Amino acid sequence: MGLAVEIAGLKKSYAVEKSFFSRRATFQALSDVDLQIRQGEIFGLVGRNGYGKTTLIRCVAGLLSPSEGTIRVYGHDTVSDAQEVRKSIGWVGAEERSFYLRLTGRQNLMFFSRLQGISDHLAATRIEQLADQLECRPLLGRRVHELSTGNRQRLSIIRGLLHQPRMLILDEPTRSLDPFAADDLRAVLTSWVGQDRTRSILITSHLLFEIEAMSTRIAIMGKGRLGASGTLTELRQQFGGGQSVQIVVQGPVSRDALSVLQQSGIKLSPSDPTLVASTDTVLTFERMPRDDLLSKALSQIERLGFIVERMSVTELSLQEMIDRLTRDSEDTRAISEGGAVTEVGQ
C-alpha cells in the first residue's frame, strides 16, 4: 500500500513580539518532524496542549506553509501543488466558525459544494446520503445559529466529505458530541476508511481511548518534535513494555510504612498519606512483564500487616506514555508553548 502523507524535515516557526519594548523572537512550533502515513490507515496524533499537534495537521492540510522541509499528500507537495492537495483532503477543525449562521445547514453545504466545483444536483444527493449516515437529516433545514455545537460538528463532517476526499484530517472530531453520537461517528469514520483502502484519516483527540480504539498507528508529540510512533504494541515496546500495577489495601499507610514500600519501588497514590481516606489506600507502581517487583511488593505489603482488597495489572497506557515522554522532554530542554523562543534582533 502506498503513502498518503510523507513528511520530511518539517520545521515551522513564527515571528512573535515578546513585549512592546523587547526584541522580536522566533517561536519554534515544529522542529525536524519526519513522518509517514500509509494509505488505508487511521493515524492518531496525541500529546500535551501546545506541543504542536494542531500546527502539524494544519501544515499537512495546506493551511500553513512549512518554514523548512517538505510535506507530500498522495504524492503532491502541499506548497507547489496546493490545489491538488485540497482536492485530496477533507478538513474538519476543532472549532467550527466558518458556517453562515443565518443560512440553513443545507444552504451552507450547497454553498461549500459549489466552491468545490460540485454540481447542485450531485451535491444535493451527497448531502442527503451523508446526513442519513450521520443520522442528522433534520439539521439540514434548520438555521445554523439554532444548532448546538455538536450538531454544527456533524455538518462539518458532511462538508469535509462532500467532495469525496481520499484523506480526512480531524481535529477533536467528537469533542462536542454526546457519547452515543460520538460512538456512531467513530463507526462511520472507520467504515469510511474500510470501504476504500486508498483512504486515510489523520486524527487528533484528547480522548485517548478514542485514539487507541480507532487508530492503526499512533504518534506522540513531544515539545514541537515527534517523540515516538507505531502501533500501540510497538509504542509499549519502545517505552519498555511495562505494566501498571494498582493494589488497594485496607486503611491508611503511615509515613514509616510508605518509606519501606518506596524502597521496593512502590509509590502511594496520592503521594501524601494525610490525603488518603481511612477506608483504603491505593498503591501504584510500574513493572516489567517478567520482573519480580510484583511478588516483592505483595510480600512487603503482607509483612507490614496490610490486607489487600483488590489488585489490577494493566498494560502501559497511552496516557502514561505521554506523561513519560513529557517528563523526558522537559528534562532535555525548556520549550515554551510547544517551541523554543530565540531572539532574532530588533
Protein backbone atom coordinates (compact mmCIF):
# COMPACT_ATOMS: atom_id res chain seq x y z
CA MET A 1 0.00 0.00 0.00
CA GLY A 2 1.32 3.46 -0.92
CA LEU A 3 1.79 6.54 1.23
CA ALA A 4 -0.96 9.03 1.93
CA VAL A 5 1.36 11.52 3.65
CA GLU A 6 5.13 11.85 3.64
CA ILE A 7 6.74 14.49 5.86
CA ALA A 8 10.49 15.12 5.77
CA GLY A 9 12.47 17.61 7.87
CA LEU A 10 9.42 19.70 8.71
CA LYS A 11 10.03 22.87 10.68
CA LYS A 12 7.53 25.60 11.46
CA SER A 13 8.40 28.84 13.23
CA TYR A 14 6.68 32.16 13.82
CA ALA A 15 7.97 35.64 14.49
CA VAL A 16 6.49 36.95 17.73
CA GLU A 17 6.76 40.12 19.79
CA LYS A 18 7.93 39.39 23.33
CA SER A 19 6.77 42.82 24.52
CA PHE A 20 6.46 46.38 23.24
CA PHE A 21 9.95 47.31 24.42
CA SER A 22 11.74 44.00 23.82
CA ARG A 23 13.19 42.33 20.78
CA ARG A 24 11.27 40.19 18.35
CA ALA A 25 11.63 36.47 18.78
CA THR A 26 11.20 33.30 16.75
CA PHE A 27 8.73 30.78 18.10
CA GLN A 28 9.73 27.27 17.00
CA ALA A 29 6.45 25.34 16.87
CA LEU A 30 7.76 22.28 14.99
CA SER A 31 11.30 21.04 14.61
CA ASP A 32 12.65 18.25 12.38
CA VAL A 33 9.46 16.24 12.05
CA ASP A 34 9.68 13.13 9.84
CA LEU A 35 6.51 11.09 9.45
CA GLN A 36 4.80 8.75 7.02
CA ILE A 37 1.10 7.87 6.96
CA ARG A 38 0.07 4.91 4.83
CA GLN A 39 -2.98 4.68 2.65
CA GLY A 40 -5.76 2.71 4.31
CA GLU A 41 -4.87 3.56 7.90
CA ILE A 42 -6.26 5.74 10.64
CA PHE A 43 -3.33 7.60 12.14
CA GLY A 44 -3.72 9.09 15.61
CA LEU A 45 -1.74 12.09 16.83
CA VAL A 46 -1.61 12.78 20.58
CA GLY A 47 0.34 14.92 23.03
CA ARG A 48 0.02 17.74 25.52
CA ASN A 49 -1.57 21.06 24.62
CA GLY A 50 0.89 23.42 22.96
CA TYR A 51 3.17 20.66 21.72
CA GLY A 52 2.46 21.20 18.03
CA LYS A 53 -0.35 18.78 17.11
CA THR A 54 -2.64 21.37 15.54
CA THR A 55 0.24 23.11 13.82
CA LEU A 56 1.31 19.80 12.31
CA ILE A 57 -2.10 18.83 10.94
CA ARG A 58 -2.65 22.36 9.60
CA CYS A 59 0.62 22.03 7.72
CA VAL A 60 -0.49 18.68 6.29
CA ALA A 61 -3.82 20.21 5.23
CA GLY A 62 -2.01 23.05 3.46
CA LEU A 63 -3.46 25.67 5.79
CA LEU A 64 0.06 26.57 6.97
CA SER A 65 3.25 26.57 4.93
CA PRO A 66 6.37 24.88 6.32
CA SER A 67 9.29 27.08 7.29
CA GLU A 68 11.56 24.25 6.18
CA GLY A 69 11.09 20.70 4.92
CA THR A 70 8.50 19.11 2.67
CA ILE A 71 5.04 17.57 3.00
CA ARG A 72 3.58 15.42 0.24
CA VAL A 73 -0.05 14.26 0.28
CA TYR A 74 -0.74 11.43 -2.16
CA GLY A 75 2.41 12.50 -3.99
CA HIS A 76 1.52 16.21 -4.17
CA ASP A 77 3.57 18.88 -2.44
CA THR A 78 1.44 21.00 -0.09
CA VAL A 79 3.12 24.20 -1.30
CA SER A 80 3.73 23.75 -5.04
CA ASP A 81 0.67 21.51 -5.64
CA ALA A 82 -1.68 23.10 -3.12
CA GLN A 83 -4.76 22.80 -5.34
CA GLU A 84 -4.29 19.04 -5.79
CA VAL A 85 -3.72 18.63 -2.06
CA ARG A 86 -7.00 20.43 -1.30
CA LYS A 87 -8.82 18.01 -3.60
CA SER A 88 -7.37 15.06 -1.68
CA ILE A 89 -8.13 16.33 1.82
CA GLY A 90 -11.29 16.87 3.83
CA TRP A 91 -10.62 19.18 6.79
CA VAL A 92 -12.71 19.16 9.99
CA GLY A 93 -11.34 21.59 12.57
CA ALA A 94 -11.86 21.59 16.32
CA GLU A 95 -13.59 24.98 16.42
CA GLU A 96 -16.01 25.44 13.56
CA ARG A 97 -16.81 29.09 12.89
CA SER A 98 -16.99 29.26 9.12
CA PHE A 99 -20.68 28.42 8.62
CA TYR A 100 -23.07 31.23 7.77
CA LEU A 101 -25.26 31.42 10.84
CA ARG A 102 -28.41 32.77 9.16
CA LEU A 103 -28.42 30.09 6.46
CA THR A 104 -29.74 26.58 6.97
CA GLY A 105 -27.47 23.60 7.16
CA ARG A 106 -28.44 22.57 3.63
CA GLN A 107 -27.86 26.06 2.23
CA ASN A 108 -24.42 26.17 3.82
CA LEU A 109 -23.46 22.78 2.46
CA MET A 110 -24.71 23.64 -1.02
CA PHE A 111 -22.63 26.82 -0.93
CA PHE A 112 -19.45 24.98 0.05
CA SER A 113 -20.09 22.27 -2.54
CA ARG A 114 -20.17 24.94 -5.26
CA LEU A 115 -16.77 26.17 -4.05
CA GLN A 116 -15.56 22.62 -4.61
CA GLY A 117 -16.92 22.62 -8.15
CA ILE A 118 -19.66 20.08 -7.43
CA SER A 119 -22.90 20.40 -9.40
CA ASP A 120 -26.03 21.26 -7.42
CA HIS A 121 -27.74 18.00 -8.35
CA LEU A 122 -24.79 15.86 -7.26
CA ALA A 123 -24.24 17.95 -4.13
CA ALA A 124 -27.89 17.59 -3.09
CA THR A 125 -27.65 13.81 -3.45
CA ARG A 126 -24.43 13.57 -1.47
CA ILE A 127 -25.73 15.85 1.28
CA GLU A 128 -28.80 13.67 1.79
CA GLN A 129 -26.73 10.47 1.78
CA LEU A 130 -24.19 11.78 4.27
CA ALA A 131 -26.91 13.22 6.51
CA ASP A 132 -28.54 9.80 6.60
CA GLN A 133 -25.25 8.12 7.50
CA LEU A 134 -24.68 10.58 10.34
CA GLU A 135 -28.38 10.47 11.34
CA CYS A 136 -28.78 14.23 11.16
CA ARG A 137 -31.15 14.87 8.26
CA PRO A 138 -33.41 17.16 10.40
CA LEU A 139 -30.47 19.53 10.86
CA LEU A 140 -30.36 20.35 7.16
CA GLY A 141 -33.48 22.51 7.30
CA ARG A 142 -32.53 24.46 10.42
CA ARG A 143 -30.57 27.68 10.55
CA VAL A 144 -27.05 27.15 11.83
CA HIS A 145 -27.40 29.68 14.66
CA GLU A 146 -30.14 27.45 16.12
CA LEU A 147 -27.86 24.39 16.26
CA SER A 148 -25.77 23.17 19.17
CA THR A 149 -22.00 22.94 18.84
CA GLY A 150 -22.27 19.18 18.47
CA ASN A 151 -24.78 19.44 15.63
CA ARG A 152 -22.61 22.00 13.85
CA GLN A 153 -19.81 19.48 14.14
CA ARG A 154 -21.92 16.94 12.27
CA LEU A 155 -22.39 19.45 9.47
CA SER A 156 -18.62 19.95 9.45
CA ILE A 157 -18.11 16.22 8.92
CA ILE A 158 -20.57 16.29 5.99
CA ARG A 159 -18.78 19.29 4.49
CA GLY A 160 -15.43 17.52 4.84
CA LEU A 161 -16.74 14.50 2.93
CA LEU A 162 -18.75 16.29 0.23
CA HIS A 163 -16.01 16.38 -2.41
CA GLN A 164 -15.13 12.72 -1.71
CA PRO A 165 -11.56 13.25 -0.47
CA ARG A 166 -9.09 10.42 -0.06
CA MET A 167 -7.98 11.71 3.32
CA LEU A 168 -9.82 13.21 6.27
CA ILE A 169 -7.97 15.38 8.77
CA LEU A 170 -9.91 15.59 12.02
CA ASP A 171 -9.08 17.83 14.97
CA GLU A 172 -11.04 16.71 18.05
CA PRO A 173 -13.99 15.47 15.94
CA THR A 174 -16.12 14.15 18.82
CA ARG A 175 -15.38 16.82 21.41
CA SER A 176 -18.86 18.39 21.27
CA LEU A 177 -20.86 15.20 20.69
CA ASP A 178 -22.76 13.19 23.26
CA PRO A 179 -21.37 9.67 23.89
CA PHE A 180 -23.92 7.97 21.62
CA ALA A 181 -23.35 10.35 18.72
CA ALA A 182 -19.59 10.04 19.22
CA ASP A 183 -19.80 6.24 19.02
CA ASP A 184 -21.85 6.50 15.84
CA LEU A 185 -19.37 8.92 14.28
CA ARG A 186 -16.40 6.68 15.10
CA ALA A 187 -18.20 3.78 13.43
CA VAL A 188 -18.95 5.88 10.33
CA LEU A 189 -15.33 7.02 10.05
CA THR A 190 -13.91 3.53 10.50
CA SER A 191 -16.33 2.22 7.87
CA TRP A 192 -15.41 5.07 5.52
CA VAL A 193 -11.76 4.03 5.53
CA GLY A 194 -12.64 0.36 5.19
CA GLN A 195 -14.69 0.96 2.04
CA ASP A 196 -11.63 2.10 0.06
CA ARG A 197 -8.11 1.11 1.09
CA THR A 198 -6.62 4.20 -0.53
CA ARG A 199 -8.45 6.37 2.01
CA SER A 200 -6.79 7.52 5.23
CA ILE A 201 -7.60 9.52 8.34
CA LEU A 202 -5.30 11.73 10.41
CA ILE A 203 -6.96 12.43 13.75
CA THR A 204 -6.07 14.31 16.92
CA SER A 205 -8.07 13.87 20.10
CA HIS A 206 -7.71 14.28 23.84
CA LEU A 207 -9.95 11.24 24.24
CA LEU A 208 -7.13 8.71 24.37
CA PHE A 209 -9.47 5.72 24.41
CA GLU A 210 -10.79 7.01 21.09
CA ILE A 211 -7.30 7.11 19.61
CA GLU A 212 -6.47 3.65 20.97
CA ALA A 213 -9.70 2.17 19.62
CA MET A 214 -9.64 3.74 16.15
CA SER A 215 -6.00 4.14 15.18
CA THR A 216 -3.89 1.75 13.16
CA ARG A 217 -0.80 3.63 14.30
CA ILE A 218 -0.21 6.47 16.77
CA ALA A 219 2.36 9.25 17.06
CA ILE A 220 3.10 11.02 20.34
CA MET A 221 4.25 14.62 20.09
CA GLY A 222 6.97 15.92 22.36
CA LYS A 223 7.55 19.66 22.54
CA GLY A 224 7.47 20.50 18.86
CA ARG A 225 9.00 17.17 17.91
CA LEU A 226 7.78 13.70 17.10
CA GLY A 227 8.57 11.71 20.23
CA ALA A 228 7.50 8.20 19.25
CA SER A 229 5.27 6.45 16.73
CA GLY A 230 4.00 2.99 15.89
CA THR A 231 1.17 0.64 16.75
CA LEU A 232 0.05 0.60 20.38
CA THR A 233 2.03 -2.61 20.90
CA GLU A 234 5.12 -1.12 19.26
CA LEU A 235 4.82 2.02 21.39
CA ARG A 236 4.69 -0.05 24.57
CA GLN A 237 7.83 -1.83 23.46
CA GLN A 238 9.54 1.50 22.76
CA PHE A 239 8.67 2.62 26.28
CA GLY A 240 9.99 -0.59 27.78
CA GLY A 241 6.88 -2.76 27.63
CA GLY A 242 6.00 -2.04 31.22
CA GLN A 243 2.80 -2.79 33.10
CA SER A 244 0.93 -0.59 35.56
CA VAL A 245 0.04 -2.28 38.86
CA GLN A 246 -2.59 -0.97 41.26
CA ILE A 247 -3.04 -2.53 44.69
CA VAL A 248 -5.77 -1.38 47.06
CA VAL A 249 -5.13 -2.12 50.74
CA GLN A 250 -7.33 -1.52 53.76
CA GLY A 251 -6.69 1.52 55.92
CA PRO A 252 -4.20 4.38 55.68
CA VAL A 253 -0.46 3.93 55.14
CA SER A 254 1.82 5.63 57.65
CA ARG A 255 4.87 7.58 56.58
CA ASP A 256 7.16 4.92 58.03
CA ALA A 257 5.35 2.17 56.09
CA LEU A 258 5.39 4.34 52.98
CA SER A 259 9.17 4.71 53.29
CA VAL A 260 9.53 0.92 53.42
CA LEU A 261 7.28 0.46 50.39
CA GLN A 262 9.10 3.11 48.40
CA GLN A 263 12.34 1.22 48.87
CA SER A 264 10.67 -1.56 46.88
CA GLY A 265 9.78 0.83 44.05
CA ILE A 266 6.18 1.39 45.17
CA LYS A 267 4.63 4.83 45.37
CA LEU A 268 1.49 5.97 47.13
CA SER A 269 -1.42 7.43 45.19
CA PRO A 270 -1.94 10.19 46.27
CA SER A 271 1.64 10.74 47.41
CA ASP A 272 0.78 12.46 50.71
CA PRO A 273 -0.52 9.91 53.26
CA THR A 274 -2.51 12.63 55.03
CA LEU A 275 -4.70 12.88 51.93
CA VAL A 276 -5.62 9.21 51.95
CA ALA A 277 -9.06 8.23 53.22
CA SER A 278 -9.14 5.91 56.20
CA THR A 279 -11.14 3.29 54.31
CA ASP A 280 -8.45 2.20 51.87
CA THR A 281 -5.20 3.24 50.21
CA VAL A 282 -4.24 2.89 46.55
CA LEU A 283 -0.68 1.79 45.86
CA THR A 284 0.61 2.07 42.30
CA PHE A 285 3.84 1.18 40.57
CA GLU A 286 5.19 0.11 37.21
CA ARG A 287 6.88 -3.18 36.47
CA MET A 288 8.33 -5.02 33.51
CA PRO A 289 6.38 -8.10 32.36
CA ARG A 290 8.98 -10.59 33.61
CA ASP A 291 10.50 -8.88 36.64
CA ASP A 292 9.77 -9.89 40.25
CA LEU A 293 8.69 -6.48 41.53
CA LEU A 294 5.06 -7.56 41.93
CA SER A 295 5.90 -10.55 44.10
CA LYS A 296 8.27 -8.41 46.18
CA ALA A 297 5.61 -5.76 46.61
CA LEU A 298 3.00 -8.26 47.76
CA SER A 299 5.46 -9.81 50.20
CA GLN A 300 6.35 -6.39 51.60
CA ILE A 301 2.68 -5.41 51.94
CA GLU A 302 1.93 -8.66 53.77
CA ARG A 303 4.97 -8.20 56.02
CA LEU A 304 3.69 -4.76 57.01
CA GLY A 305 0.36 -6.28 58.00
CA PHE A 306 -1.86 -4.75 55.31
CA ILE A 307 -4.83 -6.58 53.85
CA VAL A 308 -5.11 -6.48 50.05
CA GLU A 309 -8.67 -5.74 48.93
CA ARG A 310 -8.10 -5.88 45.18
CA MET A 311 -5.36 -5.69 42.60
CA SER A 312 -5.16 -4.96 38.87
CA VAL A 313 -2.36 -5.25 36.33
CA THR A 314 -2.75 -3.33 33.06
CA GLU A 315 -0.56 -2.68 30.06
CA LEU A 316 1.18 0.68 29.89
CA SER A 317 -1.48 3.17 28.84
CA LEU A 318 -1.20 5.85 26.18
CA GLN A 319 -1.61 8.48 28.92
CA GLU A 320 1.35 7.03 30.83
CA MET A 321 3.46 7.08 27.68
CA ILE A 322 2.55 10.72 27.03
CA ASP A 323 3.41 11.62 30.64
CA ARG A 324 6.74 9.81 30.42
CA LEU A 325 7.62 11.47 27.14
CA THR A 326 6.61 14.85 28.57
CA ARG A 327 8.92 14.38 31.55
CA ASP A 328 11.76 13.40 29.25
CA SER A 329 11.14 16.44 27.03
CA GLU A 330 11.14 18.80 30.00
CA ASP A 331 14.34 17.26 31.28
CA THR A 332 16.19 17.71 27.99
CA ARG A 333 15.26 21.29 27.14
CA ALA A 334 12.85 24.03 28.17
CA ILE A 335 10.44 24.98 25.41
CA SER A 336 7.67 27.50 25.85
CA GLU A 337 4.22 26.64 24.49
CA GLY A 338 5.39 23.97 22.08
CA GLY A 339 8.57 25.55 20.74
CA ALA A 340 11.82 27.28 21.52
CA VAL A 341 11.81 31.04 21.65
CA THR A 342 15.03 32.70 20.47
CA GLU A 343 15.76 36.37 19.92
CA VAL A 344 16.18 37.45 16.32
CA GLY A 345 17.01 41.13 16.68
CA GLN A 346 15.27 44.47 16.89
